[in-house]
PDB file of N, CA and C in Angstrom:
ATOM      1  N   MET A   1     108.800 150.257  10.644  1.00  0.00           N
ATOM      2  CA  MET A   1     109.212 149.093   9.708  1.00  0.00           C
ATOM      3  C   MET A   1     108.523 147.501  10.226  1.00  0.00           C
ATOM      4  N   ILE A   2     108.591 147.821  11.655  1.00  0.00           N
ATOM      5  CA  ILE A   2     108.247 146.744  12.275  1.00  0.00           C
ATOM      6  C   ILE A   2     106.326 146.121  11.854  1.00  0.00           C
ATOM      7  N   ARG A   3     105.996 147.012  11.976  1.00  0.00           N
ATOM      8  CA  ARG A   3     104.605 146.910  11.047  1.00  0.00           C
ATOM      9  C   ARG A   3     104.052 147.039   9.970  1.00  0.00           C
ATOM     10  N   GLU A   4     104.902 147.647   8.698  1.00  0.00           N
ATOM     11  CA  GLU A   4     105.204 147.145   7.989  1.00  0.00           C
ATOM     12  C   GLU A   4     105.416 145.879   7.292  1.00  0.00           C
ATOM     13  N   ASN A   5     106.750 145.524   8.013  1.00  0.00           N
ATOM     14  CA  ASN A   5     106.838 144.555   7.308  1.00  0.00           C
ATOM     15  C   ASN A   5     107.037 143.043   7.477  1.00  0.00           C
ATOM     16  N   TYR A   6     106.257 142.901   9.236  1.00  0.00           N
ATOM     17  CA  TYR A   6     105.764 142.094   9.570  1.00  0.00           C
ATOM     18  C   TYR A   6     104.330 141.827  10.380  1.00  0.00           C
ATOM     19  N   GLY A   7     103.607 142.778   9.546  1.00  0.00           N
ATOM     20  CA  GLY A   7     101.886 142.912  10.071  1.00  0.00           C
ATOM     21  C   GLY A   7     101.486 141.520   9.903  1.00  0.00           C
ATOM     22  N   ASN A   8     101.729 140.509   9.162  1.00  0.00           N
ATOM     23  CA  ASN A   8     101.074 139.324   9.088  1.00  0.00           C
ATOM     24  C   ASN A   8     101.642 138.514  10.067  1.00  0.00           C
ATOM     25  N   LEU A   9     102.967 138.856  10.865  1.00  0.00           N
ATOM     26  CA  LEU A   9     102.583 138.077  12.084  1.00  0.00           C
ATOM     27  C   LEU A   9     102.090 138.440  13.154  1.00  0.00           C
ATOM     28  N   ILE A  10     102.583 139.628  13.596  1.00  0.00           N
ATOM     29  CA  ILE A  10     102.318 140.795  14.459  1.00  0.00           C
ATOM     30  C   ILE A  10     100.588 140.332  14.767  1.00  0.00           C
ATOM     31  N   ARG A  11      99.893 140.674  13.550  1.00  0.00           N
ATOM     32  CA  ARG A  11      98.148 140.688  14.041  1.00  0.00           C
ATOM     33  C   ARG A  11      97.741 139.556  14.997  1.00  0.00           C
ATOM     34  N   HIS A  12      98.820 138.695  15.630  1.00  0.00           N
ATOM     35  CA  HIS A  12      98.262 137.558  16.915  1.00  0.00           C
ATOM     36  C   HIS A  12      98.419 137.915  17.635  1.00  0.00           C
ATOM     37  N   PHE A  13      99.257 139.150  18.116  1.00  0.00           N
ATOM     38  CA  PHE A  13      99.262 139.863  19.284  1.00  0.00           C
ATOM     39  C   PHE A  13      98.560 141.230  19.319  1.00  0.00           C
ATOM     40  N   HIS A  14      98.231 141.395  20.898  1.00  0.00           N
ATOM     41  CA  HIS A  14      97.349 142.174  21.577  1.00  0.00           C
ATOM     42  C   HIS A  14      97.493 143.384  21.124  1.00  0.00           C
ATOM     43  N   ASP A  15      99.234 143.753  21.349  1.00  0.00           N
ATOM     44  CA  ASP A  15      99.789 144.944  21.750  1.00  0.00           C
ATOM     45  C   ASP A  15     101.608 144.655  21.103  1.00  0.00           C
ATOM     46  N   LEU A  16     102.143 145.737  21.240  1.00  0.00           N
ATOM     47  CA  LEU A  16     103.317 145.578  21.034  1.00  0.00           C
ATOM     48  C   LEU A  16     104.202 146.732  21.686  1.00  0.00           C
ATOM     49  N   VAL A  17     105.255 146.392  22.153  1.00  0.00           N
ATOM     50  CA  VAL A  17     105.779 147.374  23.458  1.00  0.00           C
ATOM     51  C   VAL A  17     107.562 148.037  22.111  1.00  0.00           C
ATOM     52  N   LEU A  18     107.448 148.790  22.010  1.00  0.00           N
ATOM     53  CA  LEU A  18     108.513 149.096  21.329  1.00  0.00           C
ATOM     54  C   LEU A  18     109.454 150.234  22.027  1.00  0.00           C
ATOM     55  N   SER A  19     110.901 149.819  21.923  1.00  0.00           N
ATOM     56  CA  SER A  19     111.407 150.574  23.229  1.00  0.00           C
ATOM     57  C   SER A  19     111.462 152.045  22.880  1.00  0.00           C
ATOM     58  N   TYR A  20     111.339 152.757  21.334  1.00  0.00           N
ATOM     59  CA  TYR A  20     111.618 153.987  21.043  1.00  0.00           C
ATOM     60  C   TYR A  20     110.399 154.845  21.624  1.00  0.00           C
ATOM     61  N   GLU A  21     109.029 153.877  22.206  1.00  0.00           N
ATOM     62  CA  GLU A  21     107.628 154.541  22.123  1.00  0.00           C
ATOM     63  C   GLU A  21     107.631 154.517  23.588  1.00  0.00           C
ATOM     64  N   VAL A  22     108.423 153.215  24.317  1.00  0.00           N
ATOM     65  CA  VAL A  22     108.594 153.654  25.973  1.00  0.00           C
ATOM     66  C   VAL A  22     109.992 154.164  26.403  1.00  0.00           C
ATOM     67  N   GLY A  23     110.894 154.376  25.357  1.00  0.00           N
ATOM     68  CA  GLY A  23     111.825 155.465  25.867  1.00  0.00           C
ATOM     69  C   GLY A  23     112.848 154.677  26.962  1.00  0.00           C
ATOM     70  N   ALA A  24     113.156 153.436  26.734  1.00  0.00           N
ATOM     71  CA  ALA A  24     113.864 152.380  27.577  1.00  0.00           C
ATOM     72  C   ALA A  24     113.831 151.489  26.735  1.00  0.00           C
ATOM     73  N   MET A  25     114.839 150.554  26.972  1.00  0.00           N
ATOM     74  CA  MET A  25     115.881 149.577  25.943  1.00  0.00           C
ATOM     75  C   MET A  25     116.310 148.099  27.234  1.00  0.00           C
ATOM     76  N   LYS A  26     115.736 147.348  26.923  1.00  0.00           N
ATOM     77  CA  LYS A  26     116.661 146.128  27.541  1.00  0.00           C
ATOM     78  C   LYS A  26     117.688 146.535  27.355  1.00  0.00           C
ATOM     79  N   PRO A  27     118.331 145.897  29.084  1.00  0.00           N
ATOM     80  CA  PRO A  27     117.089 145.118  29.706  1.00  0.00           C
ATOM     81  C   PRO A  27     116.617 145.893  30.839  1.00  0.00           C
ATOM     82  N   ASP A  28     116.543 147.228  31.233  1.00  0.00           N
ATOM     83  CA  ASP A  28     116.109 148.343  31.990  1.00  0.00           C
ATOM     84  C   ASP A  28     114.935 147.565  31.734  1.00  0.00           C
ATOM     85  N   PRO A  29     114.592 147.396  33.633  1.00  0.00           N
ATOM     86  CA  PRO A  29     113.048 147.036  33.893  1.00  0.00           C
ATOM     87  C   PRO A  29     111.818 147.813  33.521  1.00  0.00           C
ATOM     88  N   ALA A  30     112.075 148.710  33.546  1.00  0.00           N
ATOM     89  CA  ALA A  30     111.142 149.718  32.247  1.00  0.00           C
ATOM     90  C   ALA A  30     110.473 149.068  31.405  1.00  0.00           C
ATOM     91  N   ILE A  31     111.027 148.525  30.478  1.00  0.00           N
ATOM     92  CA  ILE A  31     110.648 148.054  29.288  1.00  0.00           C
ATOM     93  C   ILE A  31     109.264 146.800  29.482  1.00  0.00           C
ATOM     94  N   TYR A  32     109.813 146.509  30.482  1.00  0.00           N
ATOM     95  CA  TYR A  32     109.314 145.017  31.001  1.00  0.00           C
ATOM     96  C   TYR A  32     108.232 145.517  31.353  1.00  0.00           C
ATOM     97  N   GLN A  33     108.350 146.107  32.892  1.00  0.00           N
ATOM     98  CA  GLN A  33     107.337 146.735  33.259  1.00  0.00           C
ATOM     99  C   GLN A  33     106.048 147.529  32.540  1.00  0.00           C
ATOM    100  N   ALA A  34     106.526 148.211  31.830  1.00  0.00           N
ATOM    101  CA  ALA A  34     105.591 148.797  30.193  1.00  0.00           C
ATOM    102  C   ALA A  34     104.822 147.519  29.722  1.00  0.00           C
ATOM    103  N   ALA A  35     105.421 146.268  29.723  1.00  0.00           N
ATOM    104  CA  ALA A  35     104.360 145.425  28.326  1.00  0.00           C
ATOM    105  C   ALA A  35     103.885 144.791  29.606  1.00  0.00           C
ATOM    106  N   ILE A  36     104.027 145.146  31.485  1.00  0.00           N
ATOM    107  CA  ILE A  36     102.837 144.488  31.850  1.00  0.00           C
ATOM    108  C   ILE A  36     102.150 145.114  32.167  1.00  0.00           C
ATOM    109  N   ALA A  37     102.425 146.430  31.909  1.00  0.00           N
ATOM    110  CA  ALA A  37     101.019 147.495  32.344  1.00  0.00           C
ATOM    111  C   ALA A  37     100.006 147.401  31.266  1.00  0.00           C
ATOM    112  N   ARG A  38     100.368 147.727  30.398  1.00  0.00           N
ATOM    113  CA  ARG A  38      99.963 147.538  28.912  1.00  0.00           C
ATOM    114  C   ARG A  38      99.191 146.141  28.866  1.00  0.00           C
ATOM    115  N   GLY A  39      99.443 145.168  29.111  1.00  0.00           N
ATOM    116  CA  GLY A  39      99.184 144.097  28.898  1.00  0.00           C
ATOM    117  C   GLY A  39      97.588 144.072  30.221  1.00  0.00           C
ATOM    118  N   GLY A  40      97.634 144.597  30.834  1.00  0.00           N
ATOM    119  CA  GLY A  40      96.969 144.734  31.841  1.00  0.00           C
ATOM    120  C   GLY A  40      96.668 143.661  32.856  1.00  0.00           C
ATOM    121  N   VAL A  41      98.249 142.782  32.555  1.00  0.00           N
ATOM    122  CA  VAL A  41      97.555 141.247  33.122  1.00  0.00           C
ATOM    123  C   VAL A  41      99.328 141.364  34.257  1.00  0.00           C
ATOM    124  N   PRO A  42      99.055 139.929  35.234  1.00  0.00           N
ATOM    125  CA  PRO A  42     100.053 140.063  36.107  1.00  0.00           C
ATOM    126  C   PRO A  42     101.593 139.779  34.910  1.00  0.00           C
ATOM    127  N   GLY A  43     102.792 139.869  35.340  1.00  0.00           N
ATOM    128  CA  GLY A  43     103.750 139.662  34.362  1.00  0.00           C
ATOM    129  C   GLY A  43     103.791 138.056  33.817  1.00  0.00           C
ATOM    130  N   GLY A  44     103.248 137.365  34.500  1.00  0.00           N
ATOM    131  CA  GLY A  44     102.910 135.523  33.842  1.00  0.00           C
ATOM    132  C   GLY A  44     102.236 135.475  32.819  1.00  0.00           C
ATOM    133  N   GLY A  45     101.392 136.868  32.760  1.00  0.00           N
ATOM    134  CA  GLY A  45     100.162 136.915  31.458  1.00  0.00           C
ATOM    135  C   GLY A  45     100.989 137.449  30.430  1.00  0.00           C
ATOM    136  N   VAL A  46     102.417 137.774  30.056  1.00  0.00           N
ATOM    137  CA  VAL A  46     102.911 138.542  28.932  1.00  0.00           C
ATOM    138  C   VAL A  46     104.326 137.406  28.905  1.00  0.00           C
ATOM    139  N   LEU A  47     104.390 137.325  27.631  1.00  0.00           N
ATOM    140  CA  LEU A  47     105.179 136.698  26.911  1.00  0.00           C
ATOM    141  C   LEU A  47     106.191 137.299  25.891  1.00  0.00           C
ATOM    142  N   PHE A  48     107.290 136.959  26.391  1.00  0.00           N
ATOM    143  CA  PHE A  48     108.679 137.921  26.164  1.00  0.00           C
ATOM    144  C   PHE A  48     109.449 136.562  25.024  1.00  0.00           C
ATOM    145  N   ILE A  49     109.629 136.657  23.443  1.00  0.00           N
ATOM    146  CA  ILE A  49     110.682 136.259  23.265  1.00  0.00           C
ATOM    147  C   ILE A  49     111.664 136.890  22.482  1.00  0.00           C
ATOM    148  N   ARG A  50     112.717 136.190  22.616  1.00  0.00           N
ATOM    149  CA  ARG A  50     113.807 137.222  22.265  1.00  0.00           C
ATOM    150  C   ARG A  50     114.447 136.141  21.083  1.00  0.00           C
ATOM    151  N   THR A  51     115.429 136.066  20.011  1.00  0.00           N
ATOM    152  CA  THR A  51     116.094 135.544  19.903  1.00  0.00           C
ATOM    153  C   THR A  51     117.654 135.523  20.478  1.00  0.00           C
ATOM    154  N   ILE A  52     117.824 136.713  20.581  1.00  0.00           N
ATOM    155  CA  ILE A  52     119.758 136.660  21.009  1.00  0.00           C
ATOM    156  C   ILE A  52     119.417 137.359  22.588  1.00  0.00           C
ATOM    157  N   SER A  53     120.296 136.941  22.971  1.00  0.00           N
ATOM    158  CA  SER A  53     120.478 137.686  24.317  1.00  0.00           C
ATOM    159  C   SER A  53     119.877 137.013  25.428  1.00  0.00           C
ATOM    160  N   ARG A  54     120.530 136.105  26.100  1.00  0.00           N
ATOM    161  CA  ARG A  54     119.948 135.428  26.991  1.00  0.00           C
ATOM    162  C   ARG A  54     120.112 136.468  28.717  1.00  0.00           C
ATOM    163  N   GLU A  55     120.715 137.450  28.386  1.00  0.00           N
ATOM    164  CA  GLU A  55     120.553 138.338  29.506  1.00  0.00           C
ATOM    165  C   GLU A  55     119.288 139.029  28.928  1.00  0.00           C
ATOM    166  N   TYR A  56     118.671 139.525  28.016  1.00  0.00           N
ATOM    167  CA  TYR A  56     117.070 140.045  27.824  1.00  0.00           C
ATOM    168  C   TYR A  56     116.350 139.146  28.752  1.00  0.00           C
ATOM    169  N   VAL A  57     116.376 138.086  28.136  1.00  0.00           N
ATOM    170  CA  VAL A  57     115.443 137.272  28.670  1.00  0.00           C
ATOM    171  C   VAL A  57     115.624 136.704  30.280  1.00  0.00           C
ATOM    172  N   ALA A  58     116.853 136.828  30.716  1.00  0.00           N
ATOM    173  CA  ALA A  58     116.976 136.629  32.423  1.00  0.00           C
ATOM    174  C   ALA A  58     116.303 137.998  32.976  1.00  0.00           C
ATOM    175  N   ALA A  59     116.120 139.166  32.318  1.00  0.00           N
ATOM    176  CA  ALA A  59     115.716 140.046  32.948  1.00  0.00           C
ATOM    177  C   ALA A  59     114.280 140.842  32.771  1.00  0.00           C
ATOM    178  N   GLY A  60     113.443 139.800  31.683  1.00  0.00           N
ATOM    179  CA  GLY A  60     112.370 139.469  32.119  1.00  0.00           C
ATOM    180  C   GLY A  60     111.829 138.906  32.768  1.00  0.00           C
ATOM    181  N   ARG A  61     112.467 137.693  32.935  1.00  0.00           N
ATOM    182  CA  ARG A  61     112.366 136.736  33.856  1.00  0.00           C
ATOM    183  C   ARG A  61     112.087 137.520  35.592  1.00  0.00           C
ATOM    184  N   ALA A  62     113.397 138.668  35.474  1.00  0.00           N
ATOM    185  CA  ALA A  62     113.680 138.886  37.030  1.00  0.00           C
ATOM    186  C   ALA A  62     112.209 140.057  37.121  1.00  0.00           C
ATOM    187  N   GLN A  63     111.334 140.305  36.021  1.00  0.00           N
ATOM    188  CA  GLN A  63     110.336 141.523  36.694  1.00  0.00           C
ATOM    189  C   GLN A  63     109.303 141.011  36.108  1.00  0.00           C
ATOM    190  N   GLY A  64     109.439 139.151  36.255  1.00  0.00           N
ATOM    191  CA  GLY A  64     107.895 138.065  36.492  1.00  0.00           C
ATOM    192  C   GLY A  64     107.364 137.985  35.405  1.00  0.00           C
ATOM    193  N   ILE A  65     107.934 137.743  33.871  1.00  0.00           N
ATOM    194  CA  ILE A  65     107.385 137.904  33.087  1.00  0.00           C
ATOM    195  C   ILE A  65     107.466 136.621  32.462  1.00  0.00           C
ATOM    196  N   ASP A  66     106.762 135.893  31.738  1.00  0.00           N
ATOM    197  CA  ASP A  66     107.496 134.623  30.927  1.00  0.00           C
ATOM    198  C   ASP A  66     107.970 135.049  29.687  1.00  0.00           C
ATOM    199  N   ALA A  67     109.333 134.350  30.141  1.00  0.00           N
ATOM    200  CA  ALA A  67     110.720 134.766  28.739  1.00  0.00           C
ATOM    201  C   ALA A  67     111.037 133.373  28.460  1.00  0.00           C
ATOM    202  N   VAL A  68     111.603 133.637  27.158  1.00  0.00           N
ATOM    203  CA  VAL A  68     111.854 132.010  26.057  1.00  0.00           C
ATOM    204  C   VAL A  68     112.837 132.782  25.126  1.00  0.00           C
ATOM    205  N   GLN A  69     113.900 131.993  24.953  1.00  0.00           N
ATOM    206  CA  GLN A  69     114.537 132.337  23.852  1.00  0.00           C
ATOM    207  C   GLN A  69     114.728 131.306  22.611  1.00  0.00           C
ATOM    208  N   PHE A  70     114.375 132.052  21.520  1.00  0.00           N
ATOM    209  CA  PHE A  70     113.423 131.209  20.095  1.00  0.00           C
ATOM    210  C   PHE A  70     114.671 130.729  19.969  1.00  0.00           C
ATOM    211  N   GLU A  71     113.839 129.439  19.663  1.00  0.00           N
ATOM    212  CA  GLU A  71     115.148 127.929  18.931  1.00  0.00           C
ATOM    213  C   GLU A  71     114.517 127.510  17.862  1.00  0.00           C
ATOM    214  N   SER A  72     112.926 127.325  18.262  1.00  0.00           N
ATOM    215  CA  SER A  72     111.949 127.169  16.822  1.00  0.00           C
ATOM    216  C   SER A  72     110.739 127.122  16.830  1.00  0.00           C
ATOM    217  N   ARG A  73     109.966 127.370  15.472  1.00  0.00           N
ATOM    218  CA  ARG A  73     108.884 127.505  15.302  1.00  0.00           C
ATOM    219  C   ARG A  73     107.881 126.809  16.606  1.00  0.00           C
ATOM    220  N   GLU A  74     108.416 125.366  16.639  1.00  0.00           N
ATOM    221  CA  GLU A  74     107.801 124.539  17.565  1.00  0.00           C
ATOM    222  C   GLU A  74     107.585 125.008  19.467  1.00  0.00           C
ATOM    223  N   GLN A  75     108.768 125.381  19.371  1.00  0.00           N
ATOM    224  CA  GLN A  75     109.151 126.139  21.184  1.00  0.00           C
ATOM    225  C   GLN A  75     107.926 127.239  21.350  1.00  0.00           C
ATOM    226  N   ILE A  76     108.195 127.794  20.621  1.00  0.00           N
ATOM    227  CA  ILE A  76     107.323 129.311  20.862  1.00  0.00           C
ATOM    228  C   ILE A  76     105.920 128.740  20.169  1.00  0.00           C
ATOM    229  N   GLU A  77     105.347 127.772  19.537  1.00  0.00           N
ATOM    230  CA  GLU A  77     104.106 127.611  19.492  1.00  0.00           C
ATOM    231  C   GLU A  77     103.680 126.787  21.172  1.00  0.00           C
ATOM    232  N   GLU A  78     104.552 126.136  21.501  1.00  0.00           N
ATOM    233  CA  GLU A  78     104.520 125.466  23.158  1.00  0.00           C
ATOM    234  C   GLU A  78     105.020 126.646  23.862  1.00  0.00           C
ATOM    235  N   ALA A  79     105.422 127.391  23.846  1.00  0.00           N
ATOM    236  CA  ALA A  79     105.252 128.455  25.213  1.00  0.00           C
ATOM    237  C   ALA A  79     104.262 129.498  25.280  1.00  0.00           C
ATOM    238  N   MET A  80     103.581 129.848  24.296  1.00  0.00           N
ATOM    239  CA  MET A  80     102.244 130.573  23.538  1.00  0.00           C
ATOM    240  C   MET A  80     101.180 129.508  24.354  1.00  0.00           C
ATOM    241  N   ARG A  81     101.500 128.602  23.858  1.00  0.00           N
ATOM    242  CA  ARG A  81     100.059 127.856  24.585  1.00  0.00           C
ATOM    243  C   ARG A  81     100.079 127.695  26.175  1.00  0.00           C
ATOM    244  N   VAL A  82     101.513 127.505  27.025  1.00  0.00           N
ATOM    245  CA  VAL A  82     101.758 127.204  28.036  1.00  0.00           C
ATOM    246  C   VAL A  82     101.701 128.799  28.677  1.00  0.00           C
ATOM    247  N   SER A  83     101.927 129.602  27.913  1.00  0.00           N
ATOM    248  CA  SER A  83     101.352 131.105  28.290  1.00  0.00           C
ATOM    249  C   SER A  83     100.583 131.207  28.784  1.00  0.00           C
ATOM    250  N   GLY A  84      99.392 131.015  28.020  1.00  0.00           N
ATOM    251  CA  GLY A  84      97.834 130.847  27.908  1.00  0.00           C
ATOM    252  C   GLY A  84      97.306 130.262  28.446  1.00  0.00           C
ATOM    253  N   ASP A  85      97.894 129.117  29.760  1.00  0.00           N
ATOM    254  CA  ASP A  85      96.920 128.530  30.234  1.00  0.00           C
ATOM    255  C   ASP A  85      97.080 129.163  31.772  1.00  0.00           C
TER     256      ASP A  85
END
């Protein structure tokens, strides 16, 4: 469903880590570790964006991931810029 409906958006990302593929759901550390492993970079090279649940953002940060709660397009663009540095 994500690939069908959001293909235009997700084309900007190198990979997707989906809970049903990993067999772990947020806030389980395993899903964040899967993102780090799949990215082949330290946690700081992974950007996790969440629309709701500050708990999931905090759990990502606890794993060393750059994690932000979605507030606006501009805020996400800035987070992507900073994460890319």
